[in-house]
Amino acid sequence: MNLAVHATILGFDLIDGDKPLAVYRACEHLPRSDSPKPCFAPIYTASGKLITEYRPADHTWHTGLFWGWVHANDANLWGGGWYLPEKGKYEDVPGTHGMQRHDGFDEVGSREGVACVRERVSWLDAADNVIAAERRAWDFEPCAGAYRWRIETAITAIGGPLTIGATRAEAHYSGLQLRLGPPFGTVERPATFQCSEGRRGHAEIRMQQANWVSAAGAAGGMIAMFDHPQNPAHPSRWHTRENQFGTAPLMDGDLTVDEGETLRFRYRMLVLDEPAEADRLKDESAVFSRDVGIEA
């Protein structure tokens, strides 16, 4: 593979030679009710298998691979409604939708065979006040039968303390999220999940702790995500459904960061053409656990 990233009017493209692998949508104009946020959509395996779904009709705020936070202080940085326990359902809450605003790239290039992107993002509340400054690092490199992502974010509270949480979602999800799409994973033909603790199936893994989780596509391919030992609440809990896959580091409670302090998350992701055995994923996890570099 010959991975490269190229800046575009929308954000950047990740390519292998002349083959597209992923599109980063940093500057797309979306409805405020979707809590606009930079995202990757589409994402393909090296052989061209589609993994993601972008803005499905039932959840238009699900935008491929994205960072989503159900609430940051009083702002909805996920999109859609909040779960209201007293009503037992989700409802839109007017005046709550914030956004994650792309402020610019500091790097779109490559270093020693690794495609690298460094990005600045601001978190805005519903009144467009900046409540956090975020630095993101995305690194992409080839590996056997796959390509590897290194994902890091550093979130600094601005203007006062920052509390991020998931209690306004029924399943308490928040964090790095992936909406799977046809043919990779749908409600009718779900992806097949496994995790580091030996559990199989999305229902058995959902809300449980694991060092890593993988999803094998119904039509081939595999995605695997790895939590880092230095992340808050490691090993992470996970949000898994037939067509959703993501970390859930706030499932056990909110996190508060004082003004000027920084919260950091780091993950690895493998995009594979064919499903990998658990031993390979265990080895990937072990190597990643020794990665202590700070890029964001």
C-alpha atoms as a PDB file:
ATOM      1  CA  MET A   1       0.000   0.000   0.000  1.00  0.00           C
ATOM      2  CA  ASN A   2       1.040   3.587  -0.659  1.00  0.00           C
ATOM      3  CA  LEU A   3      -1.018   5.687   1.730  1.00  0.00           C
ATOM      4  CA  ALA A   4      -1.268   9.445   1.363  1.00  0.00           C
ATOM      5  CA  VAL A   5      -3.502  12.273   2.526  1.00  0.00           C
ATOM      6  CA  HIS A   6      -4.463  15.235   0.357  1.00  0.00           C
ATOM      7  CA  ALA A   7      -6.199  18.411   1.504  1.00  0.00           C
ATOM      8  CA  THR A   8      -9.518  19.190  -0.192  1.00  0.00           C
ATOM      9  CA  ILE A   9     -12.094  21.973   0.030  1.00  0.00           C
ATOM     10  CA  LEU A  10     -14.101  19.674   2.315  1.00  0.00           C
ATOM     11  CA  GLY A  11     -11.224  18.445   4.502  1.00  0.00           C
ATOM     12  CA  PHE A  12      -8.885  15.730   3.289  1.00  0.00           C
ATOM     13  CA  ASP A  13      -8.872  12.413   1.426  1.00  0.00           C
ATOM     14  CA  LEU A  14      -6.998   9.286   2.454  1.00  0.00           C
ATOM     15  CA  ILE A  15      -5.900   7.345  -0.625  1.00  0.00           C
ATOM     16  CA  ASP A  16      -3.871   4.295  -1.587  1.00  0.00           C
ATOM     17  CA  GLY A  17      -2.293   5.232  -4.911  1.00  0.00           C
ATOM     18  CA  ASP A  18      -5.361   6.188  -6.937  1.00  0.00           C
ATOM     19  CA  LYS A  19      -7.844   4.274  -4.745  1.00  0.00           C
ATOM     20  CA  PRO A  20      -9.971   6.171  -2.196  1.00  0.00           C
ATOM     21  CA  LEU A  21      -9.966   4.812   1.357  1.00  0.00           C
ATOM     22  CA  ALA A  22     -11.649   7.570   3.380  1.00  0.00           C
ATOM     23  CA  VAL A  23     -12.999  11.102   3.110  1.00  0.00           C
ATOM     24  CA  TYR A  24     -12.740  13.499   6.059  1.00  0.00           C
ATOM     25  CA  ARG A  25     -15.602  15.978   6.093  1.00  0.00           C
ATOM     26  CA  ALA A  26     -14.321  18.862   8.196  1.00  0.00           C
ATOM     27  CA  CYS A  27     -16.270  21.795   6.776  1.00  0.00           C
ATOM     28  CA  GLU A  28     -19.639  20.451   5.672  1.00  0.00           C
ATOM     29  CA  HIS A  29     -22.692  22.588   6.454  1.00  0.00           C
ATOM     30  CA  LEU A  30     -25.276  20.508   8.332  1.00  0.00           C
ATOM     31  CA  PRO A  31     -28.429  21.383  10.303  1.00  0.00           C
ATOM     32  CA  ARG A  32     -27.713  22.628  13.817  1.00  0.00           C
ATOM     33  CA  SER A  33     -30.099  19.967  15.139  1.00  0.00           C
ATOM     34  CA  ASP A  34     -27.495  17.401  13.995  1.00  0.00           C
ATOM     35  CA  SER A  35     -24.814  19.033  16.213  1.00  0.00           C
ATOM     36  CA  PRO A  36     -22.403  19.400  13.257  1.00  0.00           C
ATOM     37  CA  LYS A  37     -19.029  17.724  13.690  1.00  0.00           C
ATOM     38  CA  PRO A  38     -16.099  16.668  11.513  1.00  0.00           C
ATOM     39  CA  CYS A  39     -16.317  13.041  10.439  1.00  0.00           C
ATOM     40  CA  PHE A  40     -15.024  10.323   8.129  1.00  0.00           C
ATOM     41  CA  ALA A  41     -17.492   9.141   5.488  1.00  0.00           C
ATOM     42  CA  PRO A  42     -17.118   6.998   3.515  1.00  0.00           C
ATOM     43  CA  ILE A  43     -14.482   4.567   4.810  1.00  0.00           C
ATOM     44  CA  TYR A  44     -13.455   1.586   2.658  1.00  0.00           C
ATOM     45  CA  THR A  45     -11.257  -1.452   3.172  1.00  0.00           C
ATOM     46  CA  ALA A  46      -8.162  -1.662   0.956  1.00  0.00           C
ATOM     47  CA  SER A  47     -10.075  -3.797  -1.563  1.00  0.00           C
ATOM     48  CA  GLY A  48     -12.995  -1.361  -1.704  1.00  0.00           C
ATOM     49  CA  LYS A  49     -15.548  -2.822   0.732  1.00  0.00           C
ATOM     50  CA  LEU A  50     -17.727  -0.027   2.143  1.00  0.00           C
ATOM     51  CA  ILE A  51     -17.873   0.117   5.954  1.00  0.00           C
ATOM     52  CA  THR A  52     -19.755   3.279   6.908  1.00  0.00           C
ATOM     53  CA  GLU A  53     -23.178   4.848   6.566  1.00  0.00           C
ATOM     54  CA  TYR A  54     -23.568   8.626   6.391  1.00  0.00           C
ATOM     55  CA  ARG A  55     -26.615  10.495   7.708  1.00  0.00           C
ATOM     56  CA  PRO A  56     -29.172   7.639   7.542  1.00  0.00           C
ATOM     57  CA  ALA A  57     -32.773   8.804   7.491  1.00  0.00           C
ATOM     58  CA  ASP A  58     -33.488   7.515  10.995  1.00  0.00           C
ATOM     59  CA  HIS A  59     -30.427   9.180  12.586  1.00  0.00           C
ATOM     60  CA  THR A  60     -29.113  11.957  10.348  1.00  0.00           C
ATOM     61  CA  TRP A  61     -26.561  12.936  13.015  1.00  0.00           C
ATOM     62  CA  HIS A  62     -24.785   9.573  12.583  1.00  0.00           C
ATOM     63  CA  THR A  63     -22.010  10.543  10.183  1.00  0.00           C
ATOM     64  CA  GLY A  64     -19.682   7.607   9.558  1.00  0.00           C
ATOM     65  CA  LEU A  65     -16.793   7.743  12.057  1.00  0.00           C
ATOM     66  CA  PHE A  66     -17.071  10.705  14.434  1.00  0.00           C
ATOM     67  CA  TRP A  67     -16.425  12.002  17.931  1.00  0.00           C
ATOM     68  CA  GLY A  68     -19.819  12.456  19.582  1.00  0.00           C
ATOM     69  CA  TRP A  69     -20.539  13.741  23.091  1.00  0.00           C
ATOM     70  CA  VAL A  70     -24.120  13.481  24.344  1.00  0.00           C
ATOM     71  CA  HIS A  71     -23.638  16.461  26.591  1.00  0.00           C
ATOM     72  CA  ALA A  72     -20.765  18.836  27.205  1.00  0.00           C
ATOM     73  CA  ASN A  73     -21.877  21.125  30.015  1.00  0.00           C
ATOM     74  CA  ASP A  74     -25.365  22.012  28.745  1.00  0.00           C
ATOM     75  CA  ALA A  75     -24.581  21.518  25.051  1.00  0.00           C
ATOM     76  CA  ASN A  76     -25.602  18.548  22.902  1.00  0.00           C
ATOM     77  CA  LEU A  77     -22.531  17.626  20.843  1.00  0.00           C
ATOM     78  CA  TRP A  78     -24.021  14.366  19.606  1.00  0.00           C
ATOM     79  CA  GLY A  79     -27.084  15.469  17.669  1.00  0.00           C
ATOM     80  CA  GLY A  80     -30.768  14.656  17.694  1.00  0.00           C
ATOM     81  CA  GLY A  81     -32.724  14.526  20.928  1.00  0.00           C
ATOM     82  CA  TRP A  82     -31.903  13.804  24.531  1.00  0.00           C
ATOM     83  CA  TYR A  83     -33.387  10.920  26.479  1.00  0.00           C
ATOM     84  CA  LEU A  84     -35.832  12.215  29.107  1.00  0.00           C
ATOM     85  CA  PRO A  85     -36.232   9.547  31.826  1.00  0.00           C
ATOM     86  CA  GLU A  86     -39.383  11.156  33.192  1.00  0.00           C
ATOM     87  CA  LYS A  87     -41.018  10.677  29.786  1.00  0.00           C
ATOM     88  CA  GLY A  88     -39.264   7.434  28.876  1.00  0.00           C
ATOM     89  CA  LYS A  89     -38.357   8.670  25.393  1.00  0.00           C
ATOM     90  CA  TYR A  90     -36.074  10.893  23.334  1.00  0.00           C
ATOM     91  CA  GLU A  91     -37.129  14.457  22.571  1.00  0.00           C
ATOM     92  CA  ASP A  92     -35.486  17.435  20.935  1.00  0.00           C
ATOM     93  CA  VAL A  93     -34.602  20.001  23.577  1.00  0.00           C
ATOM     94  CA  PRO A  94     -34.580  23.477  22.014  1.00  0.00           C
ATOM     95  CA  GLY A  95     -31.531  25.634  22.580  1.00  0.00           C
ATOM     96  CA  THR A  96     -29.137  22.768  23.376  1.00  0.00           C
ATOM     97  CA  HIS A  97     -27.430  21.845  20.102  1.00  0.00           C
ATOM     98  CA  GLY A  98     -23.810  22.892  19.911  1.00  0.00           C
ATOM     99  CA  MET A  99     -21.194  22.002  17.326  1.00  0.00           C
ATOM    100  CA  GLN A 100     -17.604  20.877  16.910  1.00  0.00           C
ATOM    101  CA  ARG A 101     -16.149  23.525  14.607  1.00  0.00           C
ATOM    102  CA  HIS A 102     -13.143  22.745  12.432  1.00  0.00           C
ATOM    103  CA  ASP A 103     -10.662  25.596  12.864  1.00  0.00           C
ATOM    104  CA  GLY A 104      -7.880  24.395  10.591  1.00  0.00           C
ATOM    105  CA  PHE A 105      -5.188  21.840   9.838  1.00  0.00           C
ATOM    106  CA  ASP A 106      -1.646  22.220  11.132  1.00  0.00           C
ATOM    107  CA  GLU A 107      -0.410  19.295   9.045  1.00  0.00           C
ATOM    108  CA  VAL A 108      -1.670  17.227   6.121  1.00  0.00           C
ATOM    109  CA  GLY A 109       1.223  15.143   4.848  1.00  0.00           C
ATOM    110  CA  SER A 110       3.437  12.168   5.606  1.00  0.00           C
ATOM    111  CA  ARG A 111       6.394  11.233   7.788  1.00  0.00           C
ATOM    112  CA  GLU A 112       8.497   8.107   7.295  1.00  0.00           C
ATOM    113  CA  GLY A 113       5.784   6.232   5.417  1.00  0.00           C
ATOM    114  CA  VAL A 114       2.962   7.289   7.751  1.00  0.00           C
ATOM    115  CA  ALA A 115       0.221   9.608   6.475  1.00  0.00           C
ATOM    116  CA  CYS A 116      -0.364  12.283   9.141  1.00  0.00           C
ATOM    117  CA  VAL A 117      -3.013  14.906   9.859  1.00  0.00           C
ATOM    118  CA  ARG A 118      -3.096  17.384  12.752  1.00  0.00           C
ATOM    119  CA  GLU A 119      -6.294  19.372  13.290  1.00  0.00           C
ATOM    120  CA  ARG A 120      -7.678  22.110  15.536  1.00  0.00           C
ATOM    121  CA  VAL A 121     -11.343  22.018  16.597  1.00  0.00           C
ATOM    122  CA  SER A 122     -13.442  24.253  18.867  1.00  0.00           C
ATOM    123  CA  TRP A 123     -16.445  23.072  20.849  1.00  0.00           C
ATOM    124  CA  LEU A 124     -19.290  25.574  20.762  1.00  0.00           C
ATOM    125  CA  ASP A 125     -22.367  25.551  22.967  1.00  0.00           C
ATOM    126  CA  ALA A 126     -25.828  26.434  21.690  1.00  0.00           C
ATOM    127  CA  ALA A 127     -25.018  30.172  21.970  1.00  0.00           C
ATOM    128  CA  ASP A 128     -21.735  29.668  20.043  1.00  0.00           C
ATOM    129  CA  ASN A 129     -19.561  30.226  23.119  1.00  0.00           C
ATOM    130  CA  VAL A 130     -16.300  28.272  22.993  1.00  0.00           C
ATOM    131  CA  ILE A 131     -16.278  25.735  25.845  1.00  0.00           C
ATOM    132  CA  ALA A 132     -13.280  23.641  24.737  1.00  0.00           C
ATOM    133  CA  ALA A 133     -10.315  23.700  22.375  1.00  0.00           C
ATOM    134  CA  GLU A 134      -9.430  20.342  20.847  1.00  0.00           C
ATOM    135  CA  ARG A 135      -6.353  19.073  19.050  1.00  0.00           C
ATOM    136  CA  ARG A 136      -6.733  15.931  16.950  1.00  0.00           C
ATOM    137  CA  ALA A 137      -4.091  13.650  15.476  1.00  0.00           C
ATOM    138  CA  TRP A 138      -4.832  11.076  12.769  1.00  0.00           C
ATOM    139  CA  ASP A 139      -2.044   8.740  11.564  1.00  0.00           C
ATOM    140  CA  PHE A 140      -2.459   6.036   8.908  1.00  0.00           C
ATOM    141  CA  GLU A 141      -0.019   3.278   7.991  1.00  0.00           C
ATOM    142  CA  PRO A 142      -0.191   0.001   6.045  1.00  0.00           C
ATOM    143  CA  CYS A 143       0.100  -3.381   7.721  1.00  0.00           C
ATOM    144  CA  ALA A 144      -0.472  -6.980   6.663  1.00  0.00           C
ATOM    145  CA  GLY A 145      -3.872  -7.284   4.961  1.00  0.00           C
ATOM    146  CA  ALA A 146      -5.025  -4.002   6.459  1.00  0.00           C
ATOM    147  CA  TYR A 147      -4.260  -0.421   7.246  1.00  0.00           C
ATOM    148  CA  ARG A 148      -3.862   0.948  10.757  1.00  0.00           C
ATOM    149  CA  TRP A 149      -5.201   4.170  12.250  1.00  0.00           C
ATOM    150  CA  ARG A 150      -3.754   5.921  15.291  1.00  0.00           C
ATOM    151  CA  ILE A 151      -6.352   8.308  16.709  1.00  0.00           C
ATOM    152  CA  GLU A 152      -5.663  10.827  19.444  1.00  0.00           C
ATOM    153  CA  THR A 153      -7.505  13.823  20.840  1.00  0.00           C
ATOM    154  CA  ALA A 154      -6.625  16.393  23.506  1.00  0.00           C
ATOM    155  CA  ILE A 155      -9.569  18.425  24.846  1.00  0.00           C
ATOM    156  CA  THR A 156      -8.830  21.571  26.895  1.00  0.00           C
ATOM    157  CA  ALA A 157     -11.559  23.327  28.893  1.00  0.00           C
ATOM    158  CA  ILE A 158     -12.062  27.001  27.946  1.00  0.00           C
ATOM    159  CA  GLY A 159     -13.890  29.668  29.941  1.00  0.00           C
ATOM    160  CA  GLY A 160     -14.607  27.449  32.936  1.00  0.00           C
ATOM    161  CA  PRO A 161     -14.860  23.784  33.926  1.00  0.00           C
ATOM    162  CA  LEU A 162     -15.974  21.308  31.258  1.00  0.00           C
ATOM    163  CA  THR A 163     -18.182  18.347  32.166  1.00  0.00           C
ATOM    164  CA  ILE A 164     -18.759  15.727  29.492  1.00  0.00           C
ATOM    165  CA  GLY A 165     -21.223  12.936  30.015  1.00  0.00           C
ATOM    166  CA  ALA A 166     -23.583  10.375  28.569  1.00  0.00           C
ATOM    167  CA  THR A 167     -26.470  10.350  31.012  1.00  0.00           C
ATOM    168  CA  ARG A 168     -28.783  12.073  28.534  1.00  0.00           C
ATOM    169  CA  ALA A 169     -28.652   8.999  26.294  1.00  0.00           C
ATOM    170  CA  GLU A 170     -30.568   5.921  27.398  1.00  0.00           C
ATOM    171  CA  ALA A 171     -27.618   3.603  26.700  1.00  0.00           C
ATOM    172  CA  HIS A 172     -25.032   6.101  28.038  1.00  0.00           C
ATOM    173  CA  TYR A 173     -22.944   6.218  24.860  1.00  0.00           C
ATOM    174  CA  SER A 174     -20.421   8.969  24.035  1.00  0.00           C
ATOM    175  CA  GLY A 175     -16.971   9.108  22.493  1.00  0.00           C
ATOM    176  CA  LEU A 176     -15.500   7.734  19.258  1.00  0.00           C
ATOM    177  CA  GLN A 177     -18.374   6.252  17.252  1.00  0.00           C
ATOM    178  CA  LEU A 178     -18.755   4.369  13.972  1.00  0.00           C
ATOM    179  CA  ARG A 179     -22.063   4.013  12.121  1.00  0.00           C
ATOM    180  CA  LEU A 180     -21.847   0.842  10.084  1.00  0.00           C
ATOM    181  CA  GLY A 181     -23.704   0.733   6.804  1.00  0.00           C
ATOM    182  CA  PRO A 182     -24.868  -1.702   4.196  1.00  0.00           C
ATOM    183  CA  PRO A 183     -23.495  -4.122   3.248  1.00  0.00           C
ATOM    184  CA  PHE A 184     -21.072  -4.202   6.205  1.00  0.00           C
ATOM    185  CA  GLY A 185     -23.645  -4.189   9.004  1.00  0.00           C
ATOM    186  CA  THR A 186     -27.381  -3.578   9.147  1.00  0.00           C
ATOM    187  CA  VAL A 187     -30.223  -4.518  11.480  1.00  0.00           C
ATOM    188  CA  GLU A 188     -31.276  -7.206   8.993  1.00  0.00           C
ATOM    189  CA  ARG A 189     -27.712  -8.442   8.339  1.00  0.00           C
ATOM    190  CA  PRO A 190     -25.658  -7.430  11.372  1.00  0.00           C
ATOM    191  CA  ALA A 191     -21.915  -7.327  11.701  1.00  0.00           C
ATOM    192  CA  THR A 192     -20.406 -10.072  13.878  1.00  0.00           C
ATOM    193  CA  PHE A 193     -18.725  -8.755  17.023  1.00  0.00           C
ATOM    194  CA  GLN A 194     -16.072 -10.234  19.287  1.00  0.00           C
ATOM    195  CA  CYS A 195     -13.973  -8.736  22.086  1.00  0.00           C
ATOM    196  CA  SER A 196     -10.794  -9.256  24.087  1.00  0.00           C
ATOM    197  CA  GLU A 197     -12.716 -10.931  26.912  1.00  0.00           C
ATOM    198  CA  GLY A 198     -14.012 -13.731  24.679  1.00  0.00           C
ATOM    199  CA  ARG A 199     -17.582 -12.476  24.358  1.00  0.00           C
ATOM    200  CA  ARG A 200     -19.275 -12.675  20.960  1.00  0.00           C
ATOM    201  CA  GLY A 201     -22.236 -10.805  19.550  1.00  0.00           C
ATOM    202  CA  HIS A 202     -23.197  -7.141  19.879  1.00  0.00           C
ATOM    203  CA  ALA A 203     -25.701  -7.774  22.678  1.00  0.00           C
ATOM    204  CA  GLU A 204     -23.147  -9.615  24.840  1.00  0.00           C
ATOM    205  CA  ILE A 205     -20.449  -6.949  24.340  1.00  0.00           C
ATOM    206  CA  ARG A 206     -22.644  -3.854  24.673  1.00  0.00           C
ATOM    207  CA  MET A 207     -21.997  -1.899  27.903  1.00  0.00           C
ATOM    208  CA  GLN A 208     -19.229  -4.326  28.967  1.00  0.00           C
ATOM    209  CA  GLN A 209     -15.526  -3.598  29.442  1.00  0.00           C
ATOM    210  CA  ALA A 210     -12.898  -4.807  26.972  1.00  0.00           C
ATOM    211  CA  ASN A 211      -9.439  -3.841  25.724  1.00  0.00           C
ATOM    212  CA  TRP A 212     -10.558  -4.224  22.126  1.00  0.00           C
ATOM    213  CA  VAL A 213     -13.650  -4.980  20.082  1.00  0.00           C
ATOM    214  CA  SER A 214     -13.896  -6.107  16.463  1.00  0.00           C
ATOM    215  CA  ALA A 215     -16.749  -6.253  13.967  1.00  0.00           C
ATOM    216  CA  ALA A 216     -16.657  -8.559  10.942  1.00  0.00           C
ATOM    217  CA  GLY A 217     -18.806  -7.334   8.073  1.00  0.00           C
ATOM    218  CA  ALA A 218     -21.732  -9.349   6.775  1.00  0.00           C
ATOM    219  CA  ALA A 219     -20.234  -9.030   3.269  1.00  0.00           C
ATOM    220  CA  GLY A 220     -16.578  -9.258   4.320  1.00  0.00           C
ATOM    221  CA  GLY A 221     -13.986  -7.025   5.893  1.00  0.00           C
ATOM    222  CA  MET A 222     -13.380  -6.238   9.535  1.00  0.00           C
ATOM    223  CA  ILE A 223     -12.961  -3.228  11.806  1.00  0.00           C
ATOM    224  CA  ALA A 224     -11.179  -3.479  15.164  1.00  0.00           C
ATOM    225  CA  MET A 225     -10.831  -0.738  17.792  1.00  0.00           C
ATOM    226  CA  PHE A 226      -8.325  -0.771  20.650  1.00  0.00           C
ATOM    227  CA  ASP A 227      -8.514   1.161  23.908  1.00  0.00           C
ATOM    228  CA  HIS A 228      -5.287   2.547  25.396  1.00  0.00           C
ATOM    229  CA  PRO A 229      -4.316   1.843  29.036  1.00  0.00           C
ATOM    230  CA  GLN A 230      -3.820   5.568  29.681  1.00  0.00           C
ATOM    231  CA  ASN A 231      -7.371   6.462  28.634  1.00  0.00           C
ATOM    232  CA  PRO A 232      -9.858   7.452  31.326  1.00  0.00           C
ATOM    233  CA  ALA A 233     -11.953   4.498  32.560  1.00  0.00           C
ATOM    234  CA  HIS A 234      -9.709   1.897  30.860  1.00  0.00           C
ATOM    235  CA  PRO A 235     -10.661  -0.746  29.895  1.00  0.00           C
ATOM    236  CA  SER A 236     -13.459   1.049  28.119  1.00  0.00           C
ATOM    237  CA  ARG A 237     -17.054  -0.010  28.015  1.00  0.00           C
ATOM    238  CA  TRP A 238     -18.454  -0.262  24.473  1.00  0.00           C
ATOM    239  CA  HIS A 239     -21.560   0.728  22.574  1.00  0.00           C
ATOM    240  CA  THR A 240     -22.355  -2.034  20.074  1.00  0.00           C
ATOM    241  CA  ARG A 241     -25.481  -2.666  18.040  1.00  0.00           C
ATOM    242  CA  GLU A 242     -26.113  -4.486  14.772  1.00  0.00           C
ATOM    243  CA  ASN A 243     -24.941  -1.407  12.856  1.00  0.00           C
ATOM    244  CA  GLN A 244     -23.145   0.708  15.477  1.00  0.00           C
ATOM    245  CA  PHE A 245     -19.744   0.385  17.048  1.00  0.00           C
ATOM    246  CA  GLY A 246     -18.020   2.727  19.444  1.00  0.00           C
ATOM    247  CA  THR A 247     -16.280   3.418  22.695  1.00  0.00           C
ATOM    248  CA  ALA A 248     -18.272   4.390  25.781  1.00  0.00           C
ATOM    249  CA  PRO A 249     -15.779   5.819  28.310  1.00  0.00           C
ATOM    250  CA  LEU A 250     -18.477   7.859  30.098  1.00  0.00           C
ATOM    251  CA  MET A 251     -20.880   5.005  30.716  1.00  0.00           C
ATOM    252  CA  ASP A 252     -20.007   4.855  34.417  1.00  0.00           C
ATOM    253  CA  GLY A 253     -20.239   8.608  34.998  1.00  0.00           C
ATOM    254  CA  ASP A 254     -19.395  12.113  33.848  1.00  0.00           C
ATOM    255  CA  LEU A 255     -15.861  13.495  33.575  1.00  0.00           C
ATOM    256  CA  THR A 256     -15.063  17.063  34.644  1.00  0.00           C
ATOM    257  CA  VAL A 257     -12.010  18.991  33.496  1.00  0.00           C
ATOM    258  CA  ASP A 258     -11.044  22.259  35.190  1.00  0.00           C
ATOM    259  CA  GLU A 259     -10.505  25.362  33.077  1.00  0.00           C
ATOM    260  CA  GLY A 260      -7.161  25.124  31.285  1.00  0.00           C
ATOM    261  CA  GLU A 261      -6.783  21.404  32.019  1.00  0.00           C
ATOM    262  CA  THR A 262      -6.662  18.800  29.234  1.00  0.00           C
ATOM    263  CA  LEU A 263      -8.429  15.472  28.780  1.00  0.00           C
ATOM    264  CA  ARG A 264      -6.775  13.022  26.397  1.00  0.00           C
ATOM    265  CA  PHE A 265      -8.039   9.918  24.561  1.00  0.00           C
ATOM    266  CA  ARG A 266      -5.988   7.607  22.333  1.00  0.00           C
ATOM    267  CA  TYR A 267      -7.200   4.681  20.199  1.00  0.00           C
ATOM    268  CA  ARG A 268      -5.953   2.352  17.477  1.00  0.00           C
ATOM    269  CA  MET A 269      -8.174   1.087  14.676  1.00  0.00           C
ATOM    270  CA  LEU A 270      -7.536  -1.629  12.096  1.00  0.00           C
ATOM    271  CA  VAL A 271      -9.399  -1.722   8.779  1.00  0.00           C
ATOM    272  CA  LEU A 272      -8.985  -5.255   7.420  1.00  0.00           C
ATOM    273  CA  ASP A 273      -9.974  -6.868   4.139  1.00  0.00           C
ATOM    274  CA  GLU A 274     -10.661 -10.189   5.856  1.00  0.00           C
ATOM    275  CA  PRO A 275     -11.551 -11.077   9.444  1.00  0.00           C
ATOM    276  CA  ALA A 276      -8.552 -11.563  11.723  1.00  0.00           C
ATOM    277  CA  GLU A 277      -8.127 -14.159  14.427  1.00  0.00           C
ATOM    278  CA  ALA A 278      -8.250 -13.091  18.058  1.00  0.00           C
ATOM    279  CA  ASP A 279      -4.524 -13.795  18.488  1.00  0.00           C
ATOM    280  CA  ARG A 280      -3.625 -11.105  15.961  1.00  0.00           C
ATOM    281  CA  LEU A 281      -5.885  -8.589  17.662  1.00  0.00           C
ATOM    282  CA  LYS A 282      -4.420  -9.495  21.046  1.00  0.00           C
ATOM    283  CA  ASP A 283      -0.930  -8.827  19.660  1.00  0.00           C
ATOM    284  CA  GLU A 284      -2.053  -5.473  18.205  1.00  0.00           C
ATOM    285  CA  SER A 285      -3.462  -4.512  21.580  1.00  0.00           C
ATOM    286  CA  ALA A 286      -0.230  -5.414  23.348  1.00  0.00           C
ATOM    287  CA  VAL A 287       1.875  -3.336  20.958  1.00  0.00           C
ATOM    288  CA  PHE A 288      -0.516  -0.390  21.212  1.00  0.00           C
ATOM    289  CA  SER A 289      -0.412  -0.500  25.005  1.00  0.00           C
ATOM    290  CA  ARG A 290       3.288   0.429  24.799  1.00  0.00           C
ATOM    291  CA  ASP A 291       2.593   3.482  22.613  1.00  0.00           C
ATOM    292  CA  VAL A 292       3.081   6.439  24.968  1.00  0.00           C
ATOM    293  CA  GLY A 293       3.795   9.128  22.380  1.00  0.00           C
ATOM    294  CA  ILE A 294       1.774  12.351  22.522  1.00  0.00           C
ATOM    295  CA  GLU A 295       0.821  13.641  19.065  1.00  0.00           C
ATOM    296  CA  ALA A 296      -2.235  15.846  19.723  1.00  0.00           C
END
